[in-house]
């Protein structure tokens, strides 16, 4: 895909923004917000602009739990 940035986190404990999380999971940004509201995902910090950051591992766990629930 030309023009599409590929995210390459530095490890499973990398901190990523909600936008990056949505891109990695292939879901809409509002889905990440919903996971936070439903307490399936919690921010792990803030970046220099004040945006919430999430651990890559936590994002992966939230995505997996959501996909497994959908398969029932």
PDB file of N, CA and C in Angstrom:
ATOM      1  N   UNK A   1       0.831  -1.179   0.000  1.00  0.00           N
ATOM      2  CA  UNK A   1       0.000   0.000   0.000  1.00  0.00           C
ATOM      3  C   UNK A   1       0.878   1.246   0.000  1.00  0.00           C
ATOM      4  N   UNK A   2       0.845   1.973  -1.030  1.00  0.00           N
ATOM      5  CA  UNK A   2       1.647   3.183  -1.133  1.00  0.00           C
ATOM      6  C   UNK A   2       1.080   4.275  -0.225  1.00  0.00           C
ATOM      7  N   UNK A   3       1.961   4.953   0.480  1.00  0.00           N
ATOM      8  CA  UNK A   3       1.540   6.070   1.316  1.00  0.00           C
ATOM      9  C   UNK A   3       1.032   5.686   2.695  1.00  0.00           C
ATOM     10  N   UNK A   4       0.992   4.389   3.001  1.00  0.00           N
ATOM     11  CA  UNK A   4       0.526   3.943   4.308  1.00  0.00           C
ATOM     12  C   UNK A   4       1.725   3.714   5.213  1.00  0.00           C
ATOM     13  N   UNK A   5       1.733   4.399   6.356  1.00  0.00           N
ATOM     14  CA  UNK A   5       2.835   4.224   7.298  1.00  0.00           C
ATOM     15  C   UNK A   5       2.705   2.887   8.003  1.00  0.00           C
ATOM     16  N   UNK A   6       3.826   2.237   8.207  1.00  0.00           N
ATOM     17  CA  UNK A   6       3.847   0.974   8.929  1.00  0.00           C
ATOM     18  C   UNK A   6       4.416   1.258  10.308  1.00  0.00           C
ATOM     19  N   UNK A   7       3.641   0.940  11.326  1.00  0.00           N
ATOM     20  CA  UNK A   7       4.086   1.159  12.695  1.00  0.00           C
ATOM     21  C   UNK A   7       4.995   0.016  13.115  1.00  0.00           C
ATOM     22  N   UNK A   8       6.097   0.353  13.723  1.00  0.00           N
ATOM     23  CA  UNK A   8       7.024  -0.661  14.203  1.00  0.00           C
ATOM     24  C   UNK A   8       7.377  -0.369  15.657  1.00  0.00           C
ATOM     25  N   UNK A   9       6.497  -0.746  16.574  1.00  0.00           N
ATOM     26  CA  UNK A   9       6.774  -0.520  17.997  1.00  0.00           C
ATOM     27  C   UNK A   9       8.071  -1.200  18.407  1.00  0.00           C
ATOM     28  N   UNK A  10       8.700  -0.667  19.427  1.00  0.00           N
ATOM     29  CA  UNK A  10      10.005  -1.160  19.862  1.00  0.00           C
ATOM     30  C   UNK A  10       9.914  -2.361  20.796  1.00  0.00           C
ATOM     31  N   UNK A  11       8.739  -2.836  21.078  1.00  0.00           N
ATOM     32  CA  UNK A  11       8.579  -3.995  21.937  1.00  0.00           C
ATOM     33  C   UNK A  11       7.182  -4.041  22.500  1.00  0.00           C
ATOM     34  N   UNK A  12       6.862  -5.116  23.149  1.00  0.00           N
ATOM     35  CA  UNK A  12       5.515  -5.341  23.651  1.00  0.00           C
ATOM     36  C   UNK A  12       5.127  -4.325  24.722  1.00  0.00           C
ATOM     37  N   UNK A  13       6.090  -3.709  25.386  1.00  0.00           N
ATOM     38  CA  UNK A  13       5.803  -2.692  26.398  1.00  0.00           C
ATOM     39  C   UNK A  13       5.839  -1.274  25.837  1.00  0.00           C
ATOM     40  N   UNK A  14       5.909  -1.157  24.518  1.00  0.00           N
ATOM     41  CA  UNK A  14       5.905   0.157  23.883  1.00  0.00           C
ATOM     42  C   UNK A  14       4.625   0.899  24.232  1.00  0.00           C
ATOM     43  N   UNK A  15       4.738   2.215  24.310  1.00  0.00           N
ATOM     44  CA  UNK A  15       3.570   3.047  24.540  1.00  0.00           C
ATOM     45  C   UNK A  15       3.143   3.648  23.205  1.00  0.00           C
ATOM     46  N   UNK A  16       1.854   3.515  22.902  1.00  0.00           N
ATOM     47  CA  UNK A  16       1.323   4.002  21.638  1.00  0.00           C
ATOM     48  C   UNK A  16       0.071   4.832  21.890  1.00  0.00           C
ATOM     49  N   UNK A  17      -0.240   5.706  20.940  1.00  0.00           N
ATOM     50  CA  UNK A  17      -1.449   6.529  21.049  1.00  0.00           C
ATOM     51  C   UNK A  17      -2.668   5.705  20.654  1.00  0.00           C
ATOM     52  N   UNK A  18      -3.834   6.243  20.923  1.00  0.00           N
ATOM     53  CA  UNK A  18      -5.086   5.575  20.545  1.00  0.00           C
ATOM     54  C   UNK A  18      -5.170   5.439  19.028  1.00  0.00           C
ATOM     55  N   UNK A  19      -4.709   6.437  18.304  1.00  0.00           N
ATOM     56  CA  UNK A  19      -4.722   6.370  16.837  1.00  0.00           C
ATOM     57  C   UNK A  19      -3.831   5.243  16.342  1.00  0.00           C
ATOM     58  N   UNK A  20      -2.647   5.117  16.929  1.00  0.00           N
ATOM     59  CA  UNK A  20      -1.748   4.025  16.550  1.00  0.00           C
ATOM     60  C   UNK A  20      -2.356   2.679  16.928  1.00  0.00           C
ATOM     61  N   UNK A  21      -2.991   2.615  18.085  1.00  0.00           N
ATOM     62  CA  UNK A  21      -3.632   1.367  18.521  1.00  0.00           C
ATOM     63  C   UNK A  21      -4.736   0.962  17.554  1.00  0.00           C
ATOM     64  N   UNK A  22      -5.534   1.920  17.125  1.00  0.00           N
ATOM     65  CA  UNK A  22      -6.620   1.592  16.206  1.00  0.00           C
ATOM     66  C   UNK A  22      -6.077   1.101  14.869  1.00  0.00           C
ATOM     67  N   UNK A  23      -4.979   1.707  14.417  1.00  0.00           N
ATOM     68  CA  UNK A  23      -4.359   1.282  13.163  1.00  0.00           C
ATOM     69  C   UNK A  23      -3.817  -0.139  13.285  1.00  0.00           C
ATOM     70  N   UNK A  24      -3.113  -0.420  14.366  1.00  0.00           N
ATOM     71  CA  UNK A  24      -2.535  -1.754  14.569  1.00  0.00           C
ATOM     72  C   UNK A  24      -3.599  -2.841  14.680  1.00  0.00           C
ATOM     73  N   UNK A  25      -4.728  -2.508  15.322  1.00  0.00           N
ATOM     74  CA  UNK A  25      -5.793  -3.491  15.535  1.00  0.00           C
ATOM     75  C   UNK A  25      -6.752  -3.580  14.361  1.00  0.00           C
ATOM     76  N   UNK A  26      -6.699  -2.605  13.474  1.00  0.00           N
ATOM     77  CA  UNK A  26      -7.622  -2.593  12.347  1.00  0.00           C
ATOM     78  C   UNK A  26      -9.039  -2.255  12.767  1.00  0.00           C
ATOM     79  N   UNK A  27      -9.159  -1.397  13.779  1.00  0.00           N
ATOM     80  CA  UNK A  27     -10.478  -0.975  14.267  1.00  0.00           C
ATOM     81  C   UNK A  27     -10.563   0.540  14.209  1.00  0.00           C
ATOM     82  N   UNK A  28     -11.767   1.060  14.348  1.00  0.00           N
ATOM     83  CA  UNK A  28     -11.967   2.505  14.364  1.00  0.00           C
ATOM     84  C   UNK A  28     -11.454   3.094  15.676  1.00  0.00           C
ATOM     85  N   UNK A  29     -11.079   4.353  15.631  1.00  0.00           N
ATOM     86  CA  UNK A  29     -10.608   5.047  16.826  1.00  0.00           C
ATOM     87  C   UNK A  29     -11.653   5.010  17.931  1.00  0.00           C
ATOM     88  N   UNK A  30     -12.929   5.101  17.576  1.00  0.00           N
ATOM     89  CA  UNK A  30     -13.985   5.074  18.594  1.00  0.00           C
ATOM     90  C   UNK A  30     -14.028   3.726  19.316  1.00  0.00           C
ATOM     91  N   UNK A  31     -13.518   2.676  18.705  1.00  0.00           N
ATOM     92  CA  UNK A  31     -13.461   1.364  19.364  1.00  0.00           C
ATOM     93  C   UNK A  31     -12.461   1.393  20.513  1.00  0.00           C
ATOM     94  N   UNK A  32     -11.334   2.049  20.307  1.00  0.00           N
ATOM     95  CA  UNK A  32     -10.341   2.175  21.376  1.00  0.00           C
ATOM     96  C   UNK A  32     -10.955   2.964  22.530  1.00  0.00           C
ATOM     97  N   UNK A  33     -11.649   4.052  22.204  1.00  0.00           N
ATOM     98  CA  UNK A  33     -12.322   4.859  23.221  1.00  0.00           C
ATOM     99  C   UNK A  33     -13.353   4.029  23.976  1.00  0.00           C
ATOM    100  N   UNK A  34     -14.060   3.171  23.261  1.00  0.00           N
ATOM    101  CA  UNK A  34     -15.066   2.299  23.886  1.00  0.00           C
ATOM    102  C   UNK A  34     -14.401   1.306  24.841  1.00  0.00           C
ATOM    103  N   UNK A  35     -13.269   0.739  24.441  1.00  0.00           N
ATOM    104  CA  UNK A  35     -12.548  -0.194  25.311  1.00  0.00           C
ATOM    105  C   UNK A  35     -12.132   0.489  26.601  1.00  0.00           C
ATOM    106  N   UNK A  36     -11.719   1.752  26.506  1.00  0.00           N
ATOM    107  CA  UNK A  36     -11.337   2.504  27.709  1.00  0.00           C
ATOM    108  C   UNK A  36     -12.562   2.730  28.584  1.00  0.00           C
ATOM    109  N   UNK A  37     -13.659   3.158  27.972  1.00  0.00           N
ATOM    110  CA  UNK A  37     -14.896   3.418  28.719  1.00  0.00           C
ATOM    111  C   UNK A  37     -15.391   2.152  29.415  1.00  0.00           C
ATOM    112  N   UNK A  38     -15.254   1.004  28.763  1.00  0.00           N
ATOM    113  CA  UNK A  38     -15.695  -0.277  29.327  1.00  0.00           C
ATOM    114  C   UNK A  38     -14.626  -0.907  30.226  1.00  0.00           C
ATOM    115  N   UNK A  39     -13.541  -0.197  30.464  1.00  0.00           N
ATOM    116  CA  UNK A  39     -12.440  -0.620  31.326  1.00  0.00           C
ATOM    117  C   UNK A  39     -11.749  -1.893  30.841  1.00  0.00           C
ATOM    118  N   UNK A  40     -11.739  -2.095  29.535  1.00  0.00           N
ATOM    119  CA  UNK A  40     -10.988  -3.196  28.938  1.00  0.00           C
ATOM    120  C   UNK A  40      -9.554  -2.761  28.646  1.00  0.00           C
ATOM    121  N   UNK A  41      -9.334  -1.438  28.669  1.00  0.00           N
ATOM    122  CA  UNK A  41      -8.038  -0.857  28.362  1.00  0.00           C
ATOM    123  C   UNK A  41      -7.866   0.396  29.207  1.00  0.00           C
ATOM    124  N   UNK A  42      -6.668   0.583  29.752  1.00  0.00           N
ATOM    125  CA  UNK A  42      -6.387   1.756  30.581  1.00  0.00           C
ATOM    126  C   UNK A  42      -5.149   2.477  30.064  1.00  0.00           C
ATOM    127  N   UNK A  43      -5.149   3.798  30.100  1.00  0.00           N
ATOM    128  CA  UNK A  43      -3.951   4.544  29.694  1.00  0.00           C
ATOM    129  C   UNK A  43      -2.783   4.231  30.620  1.00  0.00           C
ATOM    130  N   UNK A  44      -1.598   4.221  30.048  1.00  0.00           N
ATOM    131  CA  UNK A  44      -0.390   3.944  30.833  1.00  0.00           C
ATOM    132  C   UNK A  44       0.465   5.190  31.001  1.00  0.00           C
ATOM    133  N   UNK A  45       0.022   6.304  30.435  1.00  0.00           N
ATOM    134  CA  UNK A  45       0.782   7.544  30.547  1.00  0.00           C
ATOM    135  C   UNK A  45       0.295   8.565  29.551  1.00  0.00           C
ATOM    136  N   UNK A  46       1.041   9.649  29.456  1.00  0.00           N
ATOM    137  CA  UNK A  46       0.729  10.734  28.535  1.00  0.00           C
ATOM    138  C   UNK A  46       1.966  11.073  27.716  1.00  0.00           C
ATOM    139  N   UNK A  47       1.755  11.508  26.467  1.00  0.00           N
ATOM    140  CA  UNK A  47       2.890  11.953  25.673  1.00  0.00           C
ATOM    141  C   UNK A  47       3.132  13.441  25.915  1.00  0.00           C
ATOM    142  N   UNK A  48       4.097  14.012  25.215  1.00  0.00           N
ATOM    143  CA  UNK A  48       4.465  15.409  25.416  1.00  0.00           C
ATOM    144  C   UNK A  48       3.349  16.376  25.041  1.00  0.00           C
ATOM    145  N   UNK A  49       2.379  15.927  24.254  1.00  0.00           N
ATOM    146  CA  UNK A  49       1.237  16.765  23.858  1.00  0.00           C
ATOM    147  C   UNK A  49       0.014  16.544  24.751  1.00  0.00           C
ATOM    148  N   UNK A  50       0.151  15.672  25.745  1.00  0.00           N
ATOM    149  CA  UNK A  50      -0.949  15.406  26.662  1.00  0.00           C
ATOM    150  C   UNK A  50      -1.904  14.320  26.200  1.00  0.00           C
ATOM    151  N   UNK A  51      -1.555  13.621  25.122  1.00  0.00           N
ATOM    152  CA  UNK A  51      -2.402  12.525  24.629  1.00  0.00           C
ATOM    153  C   UNK A  51      -2.161  11.274  25.460  1.00  0.00           C
ATOM    154  N   UNK A  52      -3.226  10.518  25.687  1.00  0.00           N
ATOM    155  CA  UNK A  52      -3.111   9.271  26.442  1.00  0.00           C
ATOM    156  C   UNK A  52      -2.312   8.256  25.637  1.00  0.00           C
ATOM    157  N   UNK A  53      -1.489   7.515  26.348  1.00  0.00           N
ATOM    158  CA  UNK A  53      -0.695   6.446  25.745  1.00  0.00           C
ATOM    159  C   UNK A  53      -1.107   5.118  26.355  1.00  0.00           C
ATOM    160  N   UNK A  54      -1.035   4.073  25.538  1.00  0.00           N
ATOM    161  CA  UNK A  54      -1.454   2.733  25.951  1.00  0.00           C
ATOM    162  C   UNK A  54      -0.312   1.765  25.693  1.00  0.00           C
ATOM    163  N   UNK A  55      -0.141   0.796  26.605  1.00  0.00           N
ATOM    164  CA  UNK A  55       0.871  -0.245  26.401  1.00  0.00           C
ATOM    165  C   UNK A  55       0.408  -1.153  25.270  1.00  0.00           C
ATOM    166  N   UNK A  56       1.308  -1.464  24.374  1.00  0.00           N
ATOM    167  CA  UNK A  56       0.996  -2.323  23.242  1.00  0.00           C
ATOM    168  C   UNK A  56       0.429  -3.661  23.710  1.00  0.00           C
ATOM    169  N   UNK A  57       0.998  -4.224  24.768  1.00  0.00           N
ATOM    170  CA  UNK A  57       0.522  -5.496  25.303  1.00  0.00           C
ATOM    171  C   UNK A  57      -0.937  -5.392  25.759  1.00  0.00           C
ATOM    172  N   UNK A  58      -1.280  -4.296  26.429  1.00  0.00           N
ATOM    173  CA  UNK A  58      -2.652  -4.104  26.900  1.00  0.00           C
ATOM    174  C   UNK A  58      -3.634  -3.966  25.733  1.00  0.00           C
ATOM    175  N   UNK A  59      -3.193  -3.280  24.693  1.00  0.00           N
ATOM    176  CA  UNK A  59      -4.038  -3.123  23.500  1.00  0.00           C
ATOM    177  C   UNK A  59      -4.286  -4.490  22.867  1.00  0.00           C
ATOM    178  N   UNK A  60      -3.235  -5.291  22.757  1.00  0.00           N
ATOM    179  CA  UNK A  60      -3.366  -6.628  22.171  1.00  0.00           C
ATOM    180  C   UNK A  60      -4.316  -7.497  22.990  1.00  0.00           C
ATOM    181  N   UNK A  61      -4.219  -7.405  24.315  1.00  0.00           N
ATOM    182  CA  UNK A  61      -5.109  -8.187  25.181  1.00  0.00           C
ATOM    183  C   UNK A  61      -6.561  -7.749  25.012  1.00  0.00           C
ATOM    184  N   UNK A  62      -6.797  -6.452  24.934  1.00  0.00           N
ATOM    185  CA  UNK A  62      -8.159  -5.942  24.761  1.00  0.00           C
ATOM    186  C   UNK A  62      -8.732  -6.388  23.420  1.00  0.00           C
ATOM    187  N   UNK A  63      -7.907  -6.329  22.378  1.00  0.00           N
ATOM    188  CA  UNK A  63      -8.363  -6.755  21.060  1.00  0.00           C
ATOM    189  C   UNK A  63      -8.705  -8.250  21.056  1.00  0.00           C
ATOM    190  N   UNK A  64      -7.839  -9.041  21.631  1.00  0.00           N
ATOM    191  CA  UNK A  64      -8.069 -10.492  21.655  1.00  0.00           C
ATOM    192  C   UNK A  64      -9.338 -10.835  22.427  1.00  0.00           C
ATOM    193  N   UNK A  65      -9.527 -10.210  23.584  1.00  0.00           N
ATOM    194  CA  UNK A  65     -10.723 -10.473  24.383  1.00  0.00           C
ATOM    195  C   UNK A  65     -11.986 -10.091  23.620  1.00  0.00           C
ATOM    196  N   UNK A  66     -11.928  -8.990  22.907  1.00  0.00           N
ATOM    197  CA  UNK A  66     -13.085  -8.539  22.129  1.00  0.00           C
ATOM    198  C   UNK A  66     -13.381  -9.505  20.987  1.00  0.00           C
ATOM    199  N   UNK A  67     -12.342  -9.947  20.300  1.00  0.00           N
ATOM    200  CA  UNK A  67     -12.539 -10.877  19.179  1.00  0.00           C
ATOM    201  C   UNK A  67     -13.039 -12.237  19.662  1.00  0.00           C
ATOM    202  N   UNK A  68     -12.525 -12.706  20.809  1.00  0.00           N
ATOM    203  CA  UNK A  68     -12.990 -13.994  21.343  1.00  0.00           C
ATOM    204  C   UNK A  68     -14.453 -13.906  21.763  1.00  0.00           C
ATOM    205  N   UNK A  69     -14.843 -12.806  22.353  1.00  0.00           N
ATOM    206  CA  UNK A  69     -16.241 -12.621  22.767  1.00  0.00           C
ATOM    207  C   UNK A  69     -17.152 -12.600  21.538  1.00  0.00           C
ATOM    208  N   UNK A  70     -16.690 -12.015  20.444  1.00  0.00           N
ATOM    209  CA  UNK A  70     -17.488 -11.910  19.225  1.00  0.00           C
ATOM    210  C   UNK A  70     -17.697 -13.270  18.565  1.00  0.00           C
ATOM    211  N   UNK A  71     -16.807 -14.220  18.823  1.00  0.00           N
ATOM    212  CA  UNK A  71     -16.895 -15.551  18.203  1.00  0.00           C
ATOM    213  C   UNK A  71     -17.891 -16.466  18.890  1.00  0.00           C
ATOM    214  N   UNK A  72     -18.401 -16.060  20.046  1.00  0.00           N
ATOM    215  CA  UNK A  72     -19.334 -16.931  20.787  1.00  0.00           C
ATOM    216  C   UNK A  72     -20.567 -17.212  20.011  1.00  0.00           C
TER     217      UNK A  72
END
